[in-house]
Protein backbone atom coordinates (compact mmCIF):
# COMPACT_ATOMS: atom_id res chain seq x y z
CA MET A 1 100.77 78.11 64.48
CA SER A 2 101.10 76.80 68.05
CA MET A 3 99.36 78.56 70.91
CA GLN A 4 101.50 78.25 74.02
CA LYS A 5 99.59 78.66 77.26
CA THR A 6 100.67 81.68 79.31
CA PHE A 7 101.30 81.58 83.02
CA GLU A 8 98.17 83.66 83.55
CA ASP A 9 96.16 81.12 81.58
CA TYR A 10 97.62 78.31 83.67
CA ILE A 11 96.60 80.02 86.93
CA ALA A 12 93.18 80.84 85.45
CA ASP A 13 92.73 77.13 84.79
CA PHE A 14 93.41 76.43 88.51
CA ILE A 15 90.81 78.98 89.53
CA SER A 16 88.27 77.76 87.01
CA ALA A 17 88.66 74.17 88.21
CA ILE A 18 87.45 75.08 91.68
CA PRO A 19 83.76 74.11 91.66
CA ILE A 20 82.59 76.88 94.01
CA VAL A 21 84.29 79.65 91.97
CA ASP A 22 82.28 81.74 89.54
CA SER A 23 85.03 81.77 86.88
CA LYS A 24 82.97 83.68 84.32
CA ASP A 25 83.50 86.73 86.58
CA MET A 26 87.26 86.23 86.92
CA PHE A 27 89.32 89.40 86.71
CA PHE A 28 93.00 90.22 86.35
CA LEU A 29 94.61 93.29 87.86
CA SER A 30 97.61 94.71 86.07
CA LYS A 31 100.27 97.34 86.63
CA GLU A 32 103.42 98.56 85.00
CA ARG A 33 106.61 96.59 85.67
CA ASN A 34 109.87 97.29 83.88
CA GLY A 35 108.13 99.50 81.32
CA LYS A 36 105.33 97.09 80.37
CA GLU A 37 101.86 96.36 81.64
CA VAL A 38 101.64 92.96 83.36
CA ASP A 39 98.94 91.07 85.23
CA PHE A 40 99.95 90.62 88.87
CA VAL A 41 96.87 89.08 90.46
CA ALA A 42 93.77 87.16 89.47
CA PHE A 43 90.59 87.01 91.45
CA ALA A 44 87.11 85.55 91.13
CA PRO A 45 84.00 85.53 93.30
CA ILE A 46 82.88 82.41 95.07
CA LYS A 47 79.34 81.43 94.15
CA LEU A 48 76.51 82.49 96.44
CA THR A 49 78.82 84.33 98.89
CA ASP A 50 80.54 87.70 99.34
CA LEU A 51 83.91 85.93 99.23
CA HIS A 52 86.65 86.07 96.59
CA ILE A 53 89.61 83.83 95.81
CA ILE A 54 92.75 85.84 95.01
CA PHE A 55 95.92 84.47 93.34
CA THR A 56 99.22 86.15 92.64
CA ILE A 57 100.36 85.41 89.08
CA ILE A 58 103.95 86.59 88.75
CA ASP A 59 105.73 83.95 86.68
CA ASN A 60 109.30 84.96 87.62
CA LYS A 61 108.73 84.19 91.31
CA LYS A 62 108.78 80.72 92.82
CA ASP A 63 105.91 81.31 95.24
CA ILE A 64 102.25 81.79 94.33
CA TYR A 65 100.09 83.21 97.12
CA VAL A 66 96.36 82.51 97.35
CA THR A 67 93.69 83.51 99.80
CA VAL A 68 89.93 83.35 100.12
CA THR A 69 88.58 86.44 101.79
CA ASP A 70 85.62 88.72 102.48
CA GLY A 71 87.94 91.74 102.46
CA PRO A 72 88.49 94.51 99.91
CA VAL A 73 89.85 92.73 96.82
CA ASP A 74 92.01 95.57 95.44
CA ASP A 75 93.70 96.15 98.81
CA ILE A 76 94.31 92.46 99.47
CA ALA A 77 95.65 92.05 95.93
CA THR A 78 98.17 94.79 96.70
CA ILE A 79 99.19 93.06 99.93
CA LEU A 80 99.71 89.73 98.16
CA ASP A 81 101.66 91.47 95.41
CA ALA A 82 103.91 93.05 98.07
CA LEU A 83 104.69 89.54 99.27
CA GLN A 84 106.01 88.77 95.81
CA GLY A 85 108.41 91.69 95.75
CA GLY A 86 108.96 93.20 99.14
CA PHE A 87 109.52 90.41 101.58
CA GLU A 88 112.26 88.38 99.88
CA ASP A 89 114.32 88.26 103.09
CA SER A 90 111.35 87.35 105.27
CA ARG A 91 110.30 83.84 106.09
CA THR A 92 107.24 82.96 104.05
CA ASP A 93 107.64 79.19 104.13
CA ARG A 94 104.64 77.05 104.93
CA GLY A 95 104.03 77.14 108.65
CA ASP A 96 105.60 80.58 109.05
CA VAL A 97 103.96 83.74 110.39
CA LEU A 98 105.03 87.14 109.04
CA ALA A 99 104.33 89.94 111.51
CA LEU A 100 103.38 93.17 109.72
CA LYS A 101 103.24 96.77 110.82
CA ASN A 102 100.91 98.39 108.30
CA GLU A 103 98.38 101.10 109.14
CA PHE A 104 95.80 99.84 106.64
CA LEU A 105 96.04 96.24 107.88
CA GLN A 106 96.00 97.26 111.52
CA SER A 107 92.81 99.28 110.95
CA TYR A 108 91.22 95.86 110.33
CA GLY A 109 93.02 94.22 113.27
CA VAL A 110 95.47 92.38 111.00
CA PHE A 111 98.97 92.14 112.47
CA GLY A 112 100.35 89.11 110.65
CA LEU A 113 100.06 86.60 107.85
CA PHE A 114 100.15 82.81 108.22
CA PHE A 115 101.40 80.72 105.30
CA SER A 116 100.25 77.12 104.91
CA ARG A 117 99.55 74.35 102.45
CA VAL A 118 96.52 74.99 100.25
CA ARG A 119 95.28 71.46 100.69
CA PHE A 120 94.36 72.17 104.34
CA TYR A 121 91.41 74.29 103.20
CA GLU A 122 88.22 72.97 101.61
CA PHE A 123 88.21 75.91 99.17
CA PHE A 124 91.46 74.71 97.63
CA ASP A 125 90.81 70.99 97.13
CA ASP A 126 91.60 71.21 93.41
CA ILE A 127 94.79 73.29 93.75
CA PRO A 128 98.14 71.50 94.12
CA ASP A 129 100.73 72.60 96.71
CA THR A 130 103.34 72.63 93.92
CA PHE A 131 103.33 72.58 90.14
CA ASP A 132 105.71 72.91 87.21
CA PHE A 133 105.27 75.32 84.31
CA ASN A 134 107.72 75.66 81.43
CA GLY A 135 110.42 73.88 83.38
CA GLN A 136 110.11 75.97 86.54
CA SER A 137 108.71 74.70 89.87
CA TYR A 138 106.22 76.81 91.79
CA SER A 139 104.97 76.51 95.34
CA VAL A 140 101.39 77.52 96.12
CA LYS A 141 100.87 78.94 99.61
CA ALA A 142 97.63 79.78 101.32
CA VAL A 143 97.72 83.14 103.14
CA VAL A 144 95.56 83.70 106.23
CA PHE A 145 95.26 87.05 107.96
CA LEU A 146 96.03 87.05 111.71
CA SER A 147 95.06 89.18 114.68
CA GLN A 148 97.55 90.65 117.12
CA LYS A 149 96.76 87.90 119.63
CA GLU A 150 97.37 85.12 117.07
CA THR A 151 100.64 86.71 115.91
CA ASP A 152 101.81 87.08 119.53
CA VAL A 153 100.85 83.51 120.45
CA PHE A 154 102.76 82.15 117.45
CA ASP A 155 105.89 83.99 118.62
CA LYS A 156 105.62 82.46 122.11
CA ASN A 157 104.29 78.96 121.50
CA GLU A 158 103.54 77.39 118.13
CA ASP A 159 101.52 74.56 119.64
CA ALA A 160 99.24 77.04 121.37
CA PHE A 161 98.96 78.96 118.09
CA TYR A 162 97.75 75.84 116.26
CA ASP A 163 95.21 75.19 119.03
CA LEU A 164 93.97 78.77 118.65
CA PHE A 165 94.02 78.47 114.88
CA ASP A 166 91.78 75.38 114.83
CA ASP A 167 88.78 77.60 115.67
CA LYS A 168 89.69 80.44 113.29
CA ASP A 169 87.44 81.74 110.52
CA VAL A 170 90.17 81.72 107.86
CA VAL A 171 88.24 83.83 105.34
CA LYS A 172 87.44 86.71 107.72
CA PHE A 173 89.66 89.65 106.76
CA ASN A 174 88.50 92.05 109.49
CA GLN A 175 90.11 90.52 112.57
CA LEU A 176 88.28 93.02 114.80
CA LEU A 177 85.10 91.02 114.05
CA GLN A 178 86.58 87.60 114.97
């Protein structure tokens, strides 16, 4: 009897390989899709911090979104899940900013999301930018929450945005505290 690794197991292996992650406390959130219960996001705490790493784990999408954050895990998981299903026409390529009008996000000063390579962040050293699983290629994208100012600057001048971004605390969810 052969035991084929599931997509969720594959993503869990990525998370477990990150030395700063407390993988024994890894959790999966699930919801009903097409009449069956499926996991849609995995998250785990980062050792000795109040931070969590959160991954989307939908195997029929080509993009996997990941973030490290101090924000509310369930709410951020829902936001990342919405990226998987609700923004198909939006640009979510690496280097793109997606402006969002969402009351919950704006209550934290979040007005946009920035997508980049995972390898640019020390948290993600062990996570590849792309991988193949069961013959399908996947792209892993880091998601960073942006303030109104950062979103506006990106729209006007990308070089100025990257200058501003250099000093950003990329794990801070509440942009009102930046």
